[in-house]
N, C-alpha and C. Protein backbone atom coordinates (compact mmCIF):
# COMPACT_ATOMS: atom_id res chain seq x y z
N MET A 1 -20.41 35.31 108.93
CA MET A 1 -20.24 36.31 108.46
C MET A 1 -21.01 37.76 108.47
N ARG A 2 -20.60 38.78 108.75
CA ARG A 2 -21.37 40.17 109.16
C ARG A 2 -21.29 41.07 108.32
N GLN A 3 -22.33 41.47 107.85
CA GLN A 3 -23.08 42.41 106.78
C GLN A 3 -22.60 43.77 107.22
N ILE A 4 -22.16 44.49 106.65
CA ILE A 4 -21.51 45.98 106.65
C ILE A 4 -22.48 46.31 105.01
N GLY A 5 -23.41 46.71 105.52
CA GLY A 5 -24.13 47.64 103.90
C GLY A 5 -24.15 46.68 102.74
N THR A 6 -23.12 46.52 101.65
CA THR A 6 -23.13 45.66 100.84
C THR A 6 -22.02 45.27 100.55
N GLU A 7 -21.24 44.68 102.14
CA GLU A 7 -19.67 44.15 102.07
C GLU A 7 -20.07 42.98 103.31
N TYR A 8 -19.20 42.34 102.91
CA TYR A 8 -19.45 41.17 104.25
C TYR A 8 -18.01 41.12 104.64
N GLU A 9 -17.59 41.40 105.59
CA GLU A 9 -16.11 41.69 106.07
C GLU A 9 -15.09 42.10 105.00
N GLY A 10 -15.03 43.05 103.90
CA GLY A 10 -14.37 43.69 102.86
C GLY A 10 -14.48 42.81 101.87
N PHE A 11 -15.52 42.19 101.21
CA PHE A 11 -15.59 41.39 99.85
C PHE A 11 -16.86 42.48 99.70
N ALA A 12 -16.88 43.44 98.42
CA ALA A 12 -17.73 44.17 98.48
C ALA A 12 -18.86 42.86 97.13
N ILE A 13 -19.96 43.31 97.49
CA ILE A 13 -21.05 42.57 96.34
C ILE A 13 -21.82 43.53 95.70
N ASN A 14 -21.10 43.76 94.67
CA ASN A 14 -21.70 44.93 94.02
C ASN A 14 -22.41 44.17 92.39
N GLY A 15 -23.89 44.31 92.71
CA GLY A 15 -25.04 43.58 92.04
C GLY A 15 -24.84 41.83 91.59
N GLY A 16 -23.99 41.32 92.85
CA GLY A 16 -23.88 39.81 92.17
C GLY A 16 -22.98 39.27 92.03
N ASP A 17 -21.74 40.25 92.02
CA ASP A 17 -20.66 40.24 90.94
C ASP A 17 -20.20 38.39 91.63
N MET A 18 -19.81 38.61 93.12
CA MET A 18 -19.36 37.42 93.00
C MET A 18 -20.20 36.14 93.23
N ALA A 19 -21.56 35.63 93.03
CA ALA A 19 -22.54 34.87 92.97
C ALA A 19 -21.90 34.34 91.62
N ASP A 20 -22.14 35.51 90.49
CA ASP A 20 -22.01 35.52 89.10
C ASP A 20 -20.63 34.48 88.78
N ALA A 21 -19.89 35.28 89.47
CA ALA A 21 -18.60 34.83 89.39
C ALA A 21 -18.14 33.10 89.56
N VAL A 22 -19.10 32.32 91.14
CA VAL A 22 -19.01 31.67 91.14
C VAL A 22 -19.82 30.71 90.56
N ASN A 23 -21.30 30.68 89.98
CA ASN A 23 -22.00 30.32 89.20
C ASN A 23 -21.16 30.20 87.53
N ARG A 24 -20.48 30.87 86.89
CA ARG A 24 -19.79 30.78 85.88
C ARG A 24 -18.58 29.91 85.87
N SER A 25 -18.05 29.65 87.31
CA SER A 25 -16.60 28.97 87.55
C SER A 25 -17.40 27.34 87.38
N MET A 26 -18.51 27.20 88.33
CA MET A 26 -19.16 26.06 89.02
C MET A 26 -20.04 25.83 87.94
N GLY A 27 -20.67 26.22 86.55
CA GLY A 27 -21.89 26.09 85.91
C GLY A 27 -23.02 26.32 86.85
N ASP A 28 -23.99 26.43 86.03
CA ASP A 28 -25.17 27.58 86.14
C ASP A 28 -25.99 26.45 86.08
N PRO A 29 -26.79 25.67 86.69
CA PRO A 29 -27.86 24.89 85.87
C PRO A 29 -29.40 25.24 85.73
N GLN A 30 -29.14 26.62 86.63
CA GLN A 30 -30.66 27.49 85.97
C GLN A 30 -30.64 28.35 84.58
N HIS A 31 -29.48 28.20 84.35
CA HIS A 31 -29.17 28.93 82.98
C HIS A 31 -28.65 27.71 81.88
N GLY A 32 -28.64 26.85 82.22
CA GLY A 32 -28.42 25.75 81.01
C GLY A 32 -26.53 25.44 80.75
N THR A 33 -25.87 26.21 81.36
CA THR A 33 -24.44 26.13 81.65
C THR A 33 -23.34 25.21 82.37
N LYS A 34 -22.94 24.56 81.57
CA LYS A 34 -22.06 23.79 82.52
C LYS A 34 -20.59 23.58 82.89
N PRO A 35 -20.11 23.24 83.62
CA PRO A 35 -18.75 23.30 83.93
C PRO A 35 -17.92 22.68 82.58
N ARG A 36 -16.63 23.26 82.12
CA ARG A 36 -16.06 22.35 81.24
C ARG A 36 -14.76 21.89 82.05
N PHE A 37 -14.55 20.97 81.82
CA PHE A 37 -13.55 19.93 82.18
C PHE A 37 -12.20 20.15 80.99
N ARG A 38 -11.16 20.11 81.30
CA ARG A 38 -10.61 19.46 80.16
C ARG A 38 -9.47 18.24 80.51
N ASN A 39 -9.43 17.41 79.85
CA ASN A 39 -9.14 16.02 80.07
C ASN A 39 -7.47 16.44 79.30
N ILE A 40 -6.70 15.90 79.71
CA ILE A 40 -5.32 15.92 79.37
C ILE A 40 -4.99 14.45 79.13
N HIS A 41 -4.39 14.70 77.93
CA HIS A 41 -4.25 13.16 77.40
C HIS A 41 -2.29 13.18 78.03
N VAL A 42 -2.12 11.78 77.59
CA VAL A 42 -0.56 11.15 77.96
C VAL A 42 0.17 12.00 76.96
N SER A 43 -0.19 11.55 76.15
CA SER A 43 0.34 12.43 74.59
C SER A 43 0.41 13.81 74.65
N ASP A 44 -0.63 14.51 75.53
CA ASP A 44 -0.28 15.78 75.34
C ASP A 44 1.08 16.27 76.59
N ILE A 45 0.91 15.62 77.80
CA ILE A 45 2.27 15.66 78.76
C ILE A 45 3.35 15.73 78.17
N VAL A 46 3.43 14.26 77.20
CA VAL A 46 4.78 13.86 76.50
C VAL A 46 5.19 14.68 75.39
N LEU A 47 4.02 14.90 74.72
CA LEU A 47 4.63 15.68 73.28
C LEU A 47 4.50 17.38 73.32
N ARG A 48 3.41 17.77 74.09
CA ARG A 48 3.56 18.91 73.85
C ARG A 48 4.41 19.80 74.82
N TYR A 49 3.85 19.19 76.18
CA TYR A 49 4.49 20.15 77.48
C TYR A 49 6.06 20.39 77.58
N ARG A 50 6.75 20.97 78.29
CA ARG A 50 8.16 20.68 78.30
C ARG A 50 8.43 20.49 80.01
N LEU A 51 8.49 19.46 80.42
CA LEU A 51 8.66 19.16 81.27
C LEU A 51 10.27 19.87 82.14
N PRO A 52 10.20 20.15 83.21
CA PRO A 52 11.40 20.37 84.15
C PRO A 52 11.99 19.35 84.21
N LEU A 53 13.62 19.62 84.53
CA LEU A 53 14.38 18.80 84.65
C LEU A 53 14.19 17.74 85.80
N ALA A 54 14.05 18.29 87.00
CA ALA A 54 13.33 17.30 88.02
C ALA A 54 12.21 16.96 87.94
N ALA A 55 11.04 16.88 87.32
CA ALA A 55 9.75 16.24 86.74
C ALA A 55 10.31 15.05 86.14
N LEU A 56 11.57 15.50 85.00
CA LEU A 56 11.65 14.19 84.30
C LEU A 56 12.93 13.08 84.96
N VAL A 57 13.51 14.13 86.07
CA VAL A 57 13.71 12.25 87.30
C VAL A 57 13.33 11.94 87.77
N SER A 58 12.11 12.70 88.48
CA SER A 58 11.09 12.21 88.90
C SER A 58 10.67 10.90 88.61
N ILE A 59 10.07 11.15 86.98
CA ILE A 59 9.66 9.93 86.47
C ILE A 59 10.17 8.91 85.83
N LEU A 60 11.56 9.23 85.64
CA LEU A 60 12.49 8.06 85.60
C LEU A 60 12.47 7.27 86.69
N HIS A 61 12.95 7.96 87.87
CA HIS A 61 13.01 7.18 89.24
C HIS A 61 11.97 6.63 89.50
N ARG A 62 10.77 6.82 89.07
CA ARG A 62 9.53 5.37 88.96
C ARG A 62 9.98 4.43 88.02
N ILE A 63 10.13 4.73 86.82
CA ILE A 63 10.30 3.84 86.04
C ILE A 63 11.17 2.87 86.17
N SER A 64 12.82 3.40 86.89
CA SER A 64 13.42 2.96 87.00
C SER A 64 12.99 1.81 88.05
N GLY A 65 12.66 2.17 89.28
CA GLY A 65 12.03 1.36 90.18
C GLY A 65 11.22 0.08 89.46
N ALA A 66 10.02 0.23 89.12
CA ALA A 66 9.22 -0.49 88.08
C ALA A 66 10.05 -1.46 87.01
N LEU A 67 11.31 -0.84 86.67
CA LEU A 67 12.04 -1.89 85.47
C LEU A 67 12.34 -2.69 86.71
N MET A 68 13.33 -2.36 87.61
CA MET A 68 14.27 -3.09 88.30
C MET A 68 12.87 -4.78 88.79
N PHE A 69 12.08 -3.56 89.54
CA PHE A 69 11.18 -5.14 90.10
C PHE A 69 11.11 -5.99 89.29
N LEU A 70 9.67 -5.11 88.21
CA LEU A 70 8.96 -6.50 86.86
C LEU A 70 10.19 -6.97 86.26
N VAL A 71 11.10 -6.59 85.59
CA VAL A 71 12.17 -7.17 84.52
C VAL A 71 13.38 -7.81 85.65
N GLY A 72 13.86 -6.80 86.23
CA GLY A 72 15.39 -6.81 86.72
C GLY A 72 15.59 -8.26 88.02
N LEU A 73 14.31 -8.37 88.88
CA LEU A 73 14.35 -9.34 89.59
C LEU A 73 14.00 -10.47 89.04
N PRO A 74 12.90 -10.87 88.08
CA PRO A 74 13.21 -12.03 87.82
C PRO A 74 14.14 -12.68 86.88
N PHE A 75 14.70 -11.87 86.05
CA PHE A 75 15.85 -12.08 85.24
C PHE A 75 17.13 -12.54 85.91
N LEU A 76 17.20 -11.91 86.75
CA LEU A 76 18.67 -12.00 88.20
C LEU A 76 18.13 -13.07 88.75
N LEU A 77 16.93 -13.40 89.50
CA LEU A 77 17.03 -14.67 90.03
C LEU A 77 16.86 -15.52 88.82
N TYR A 78 16.70 -15.82 87.93
CA TYR A 78 16.85 -16.77 86.53
C TYR A 78 18.19 -17.05 86.79
N LEU A 79 19.51 -15.82 86.18
CA LEU A 79 20.80 -16.03 85.97
C LEU A 79 21.34 -16.40 87.07
N PHE A 80 20.77 -15.92 88.71
CA PHE A 80 21.83 -16.44 89.78
C PHE A 80 21.30 -18.36 89.78
N GLN A 81 20.14 -18.45 89.21
CA GLN A 81 19.65 -20.05 89.47
C GLN A 81 20.23 -20.74 88.77
N GLN A 82 20.61 -20.35 87.47
CA GLN A 82 21.49 -21.06 86.41
C GLN A 82 22.73 -21.17 86.71
N SER A 83 23.27 -20.05 87.36
CA SER A 83 24.80 -20.13 87.54
C SER A 83 25.19 -20.90 89.03
N LEU A 84 24.27 -21.30 89.72
CA LEU A 84 24.64 -22.11 90.92
C LEU A 84 23.80 -23.70 90.44
N THR A 85 23.04 -23.80 89.95
CA THR A 85 22.29 -25.07 90.04
C THR A 85 23.66 -26.24 89.54
N SER A 86 24.30 -26.03 88.77
CA SER A 86 25.27 -27.30 88.05
C SER A 86 26.51 -27.09 86.99
N GLU A 87 27.42 -27.65 86.74
CA GLU A 87 28.31 -27.23 85.56
C GLU A 87 27.77 -26.76 84.46
N LEU A 88 26.77 -27.59 84.32
CA LEU A 88 26.09 -27.98 82.51
C LEU A 88 25.55 -26.29 82.73
N SER A 89 24.67 -26.08 84.07
CA SER A 89 23.68 -24.92 83.78
C SER A 89 24.60 -23.51 83.94
N PHE A 90 25.53 -23.87 84.49
CA PHE A 90 26.57 -22.39 84.46
C PHE A 90 26.85 -22.27 82.92
N GLU A 91 27.18 -23.06 82.25
CA GLU A 91 27.64 -22.93 80.89
C GLU A 91 25.92 -22.28 80.32
N THR A 92 24.85 -22.62 80.76
CA THR A 92 23.86 -21.93 80.20
C THR A 92 24.24 -20.76 80.59
N TYR A 93 24.26 -20.27 81.45
CA TYR A 93 24.25 -18.95 82.18
C TYR A 93 24.95 -17.97 81.06
N ARG A 94 26.31 -18.83 80.79
CA ARG A 94 27.31 -17.62 80.34
C ARG A 94 27.02 -17.88 78.79
N ALA A 95 26.11 -18.68 77.84
CA ALA A 95 25.69 -18.50 77.04
C ALA A 95 24.81 -17.34 77.00
N VAL A 96 24.06 -17.13 77.86
CA VAL A 96 22.84 -16.44 77.79
C VAL A 96 23.31 -14.76 78.17
N VAL A 97 24.21 -14.77 79.01
CA VAL A 97 24.89 -13.71 79.41
C VAL A 97 25.98 -13.04 78.17
N SER A 98 26.55 -14.39 77.63
CA SER A 98 27.12 -13.90 76.14
C SER A 98 26.25 -13.07 75.11
N ASN A 99 25.14 -13.26 75.21
CA ASN A 99 24.14 -12.88 74.21
C ASN A 99 23.99 -11.52 74.22
N TRP A 100 24.08 -10.45 72.97
CA TRP A 100 23.83 -9.29 72.52
C TRP A 100 22.55 -8.86 72.94
N PHE A 101 21.31 -9.87 73.12
CA PHE A 101 20.54 -9.05 73.44
C PHE A 101 20.44 -8.83 74.87
N ALA A 102 20.76 -9.80 75.77
CA ALA A 102 20.72 -10.11 77.37
C ALA A 102 21.78 -8.97 77.94
N LYS A 103 22.49 -8.68 76.90
CA LYS A 103 23.56 -7.46 77.46
C LYS A 103 23.00 -6.27 77.37
N LEU A 104 22.18 -6.09 76.14
CA LEU A 104 21.21 -4.83 76.37
C LEU A 104 20.55 -4.70 77.65
N VAL A 105 19.90 -6.64 77.67
CA VAL A 105 18.81 -5.73 79.06
C VAL A 105 19.36 -5.56 80.38
N LEU A 106 20.53 -6.25 80.31
CA LEU A 106 21.24 -6.21 81.64
C LEU A 106 21.96 -4.35 82.01
N LEU A 107 22.54 -4.16 80.64
CA LEU A 107 22.50 -2.36 80.36
C LEU A 107 21.23 -1.77 81.40
N GLY A 108 19.92 -2.39 80.13
CA GLY A 108 19.07 -0.91 80.81
C GLY A 108 18.88 -1.38 82.39
N LEU A 109 19.09 -2.59 83.22
CA LEU A 109 18.99 -3.03 84.27
C LEU A 109 20.17 -2.28 85.40
N ILE A 110 21.14 -2.15 84.69
CA ILE A 110 22.47 -1.38 85.01
C ILE A 110 22.06 0.21 85.42
N TRP A 111 21.48 0.57 84.56
CA TRP A 111 20.86 2.53 84.52
C TRP A 111 19.87 2.24 85.19
N ALA A 112 18.84 1.53 85.56
CA ALA A 112 18.01 1.40 86.06
C ALA A 112 18.40 1.15 87.68
N TYR A 113 19.34 0.64 88.13
CA TYR A 113 19.93 0.55 89.39
C TYR A 113 20.48 1.66 89.43
N LEU A 114 21.05 2.51 88.80
CA LEU A 114 21.74 3.95 89.08
C LEU A 114 21.57 4.72 89.30
N HIS A 115 20.37 4.98 88.53
CA HIS A 115 19.87 5.93 88.20
C HIS A 115 18.83 5.73 89.84
N HIS A 116 18.09 5.03 90.17
CA HIS A 116 17.10 4.69 90.93
C HIS A 116 18.04 4.99 92.21
N PHE A 117 19.29 4.49 92.15
CA PHE A 117 20.37 4.60 93.56
C PHE A 117 20.57 6.37 93.87
N CYS A 118 20.64 6.73 92.56
CA CYS A 118 21.43 8.29 92.67
C CYS A 118 19.85 9.16 93.37
N ALA A 119 18.83 8.89 92.50
CA ALA A 119 17.57 9.66 92.83
C ALA A 119 17.31 9.39 94.10
N GLY A 120 17.42 8.31 95.04
CA GLY A 120 17.34 8.04 96.25
C GLY A 120 17.93 8.82 97.15
N VAL A 121 19.46 8.92 96.88
CA VAL A 121 20.06 9.47 97.55
C VAL A 121 19.83 11.10 97.22
N ARG A 122 19.14 11.41 96.27
CA ARG A 122 18.67 13.06 96.01
C ARG A 122 17.75 13.33 97.22
N HIS A 123 16.97 11.98 97.15
CA HIS A 123 15.61 12.17 97.93
C HIS A 123 16.33 12.15 99.51
N LEU A 124 17.30 11.51 99.57
CA LEU A 124 17.37 11.70 100.89
C LEU A 124 18.12 13.28 101.72
N LEU A 125 18.99 13.80 100.52
CA LEU A 125 19.18 14.90 100.61
C LEU A 125 18.03 15.99 100.93
N MET A 126 17.14 15.98 100.10
CA MET A 126 15.97 16.86 99.99
C MET A 126 15.22 16.87 101.45
N ASP A 127 15.57 15.32 102.13
CA ASP A 127 14.83 15.27 103.23
C ASP A 127 15.54 15.94 104.52
N VAL A 128 16.80 16.59 104.36
CA VAL A 128 17.13 17.10 105.18
C VAL A 128 17.67 18.31 105.04
N ASP A 129 16.65 19.46 103.81
CA ASP A 129 16.61 20.31 103.47
C ASP A 129 17.95 20.86 102.24
N ILE A 130 18.39 19.92 101.66
CA ILE A 130 19.11 20.70 100.81
C ILE A 130 19.22 20.31 99.50
N GLY A 131 18.89 21.05 98.65
CA GLY A 131 18.70 21.48 97.37
C GLY A 131 16.94 21.35 97.26
N MET A 132 16.57 21.95 97.93
CA MET A 132 15.03 22.30 98.07
C MET A 132 14.42 23.58 97.61
N THR A 133 15.32 24.56 96.76
CA THR A 133 14.92 25.32 96.25
C THR A 133 14.93 25.20 94.76
N LYS A 134 14.10 26.14 93.91
CA LYS A 134 13.92 25.94 92.66
C LYS A 134 15.43 25.81 92.08
N ALA A 135 16.26 26.34 92.11
CA ALA A 135 17.35 26.49 91.40
C ALA A 135 18.28 25.02 91.67
N GLY A 136 18.16 25.08 93.37
CA GLY A 136 18.68 23.82 93.96
C GLY A 136 17.86 22.45 93.31
N GLY A 137 16.81 21.88 93.17
CA GLY A 137 16.35 21.19 92.52
C GLY A 137 16.68 20.99 91.05
N ARG A 138 16.84 21.69 90.33
CA ARG A 138 17.12 22.12 88.82
C ARG A 138 19.00 21.13 88.83
N THR A 139 19.50 21.47 89.78
CA THR A 139 20.81 21.39 89.53
C THR A 139 21.00 19.79 90.37
N THR A 140 20.69 19.53 91.54
CA THR A 140 20.85 18.01 91.97
C THR A 140 19.92 17.29 90.95
N ALA A 141 19.05 17.15 90.23
CA ALA A 141 18.50 16.90 88.77
C ALA A 141 19.53 16.43 87.85
N ALA A 142 20.07 17.64 87.44
CA ALA A 142 21.03 17.08 86.66
C ALA A 142 22.27 16.42 87.02
N ILE A 143 22.60 16.70 88.20
CA ILE A 143 23.52 15.76 88.93
C ILE A 143 23.04 14.28 89.26
N VAL A 144 21.96 14.07 89.41
CA VAL A 144 21.74 12.52 89.09
C VAL A 144 21.60 12.43 87.89
N LEU A 145 20.98 13.05 86.45
CA LEU A 145 21.35 12.61 85.48
C LEU A 145 22.38 12.30 85.03
N ALA A 146 23.69 13.25 85.17
CA ALA A 146 24.61 13.17 84.73
C ALA A 146 25.50 12.17 85.43
N VAL A 147 25.47 11.66 86.65
CA VAL A 147 25.90 10.55 87.33
C VAL A 147 25.81 9.90 86.92
N SER A 148 24.58 8.94 86.84
CA SER A 148 24.22 7.77 86.62
C SER A 148 23.98 7.35 85.29
N LEU A 149 24.42 8.44 84.28
CA LEU A 149 24.48 8.24 83.04
C LEU A 149 26.25 7.95 82.79
N ALA A 150 26.63 8.57 83.56
CA ALA A 150 28.13 8.26 83.64
C ALA A 150 28.86 7.15 84.08
N LEU A 151 28.25 6.88 84.94
CA LEU A 151 28.37 5.16 85.98
C LEU A 151 28.10 4.11 84.63
N THR A 152 26.95 4.22 84.22
CA THR A 152 26.06 3.25 83.70
C THR A 152 27.13 3.50 82.20
N LEU A 153 27.60 4.27 81.96
CA LEU A 153 28.53 4.20 80.45
C LEU A 153 29.82 3.35 80.53
N ILE A 154 30.13 3.68 81.99
CA ILE A 154 31.45 3.04 83.06
C ILE A 154 31.24 1.29 83.02
N LEU A 155 30.04 1.08 83.68
CA LEU A 155 30.07 -0.28 83.29
C LEU A 155 29.31 -0.87 82.24
N GLY A 156 29.15 -0.55 81.44
CA GLY A 156 28.46 -0.69 80.31
C GLY A 156 29.80 -1.32 79.02
N SER A 157 30.67 -0.21 78.90
CA SER A 157 31.68 -0.57 78.45
C SER A 157 32.62 -1.64 79.13
N LYS A 158 32.65 -1.94 80.43
CA LYS A 158 32.95 -3.04 81.18
C LYS A 158 32.34 -4.32 80.49
N LEU A 159 30.72 -4.30 80.20
CA LEU A 159 30.29 -5.47 80.09
C LEU A 159 29.43 -5.68 78.73
N PHE A 160 30.08 -4.98 78.01
CA PHE A 160 30.78 -5.11 76.76
C PHE A 160 31.71 -5.58 76.34
N GLY A 161 32.71 -5.63 77.78
CA GLY A 161 34.26 -5.85 76.59
C GLY A 161 35.11 -4.76 76.45
N LEU A 162 34.72 -4.09 76.71
CA LEU A 162 35.95 -2.41 76.02
C LEU A 162 36.65 -2.41 76.58
N PHE A 163 37.20 -3.06 78.39
CA PHE A 163 38.19 -2.90 78.87
C PHE A 163 38.17 -4.31 79.91
């Protein structure tokens, strides 16, 4: 930088204002001040802050992917194995799938798959610059939530034998 009087290329240094501001923000060991860091706990994010809809869809996209990998894959492989081994194991499969708790697990996995799929389509559209504005992101996030929940409701009603 080149000095011009009391300015360095347009930045005025009025009695050390810039140096004082840097010392205040980063802490000044000579004067015993330390920088302040604010740790944000997860409960602050979940309970205190109102996340935008796009952030909620993004978090749910990650949760649904983890749910499918950690719960869905082992459970569905177990059910697939039980359905193919023998007639007796197929009856075990039918007994497991007819249980209400297993149906709730399957309903959660159905939602996870449908939400993950819809959010993945949203990300593919964003890759080709569709829905990249703030309003577009909010709209596509609302569409992802609405479509995934509507499809889950339809497939869940089929799962529980409503039609």
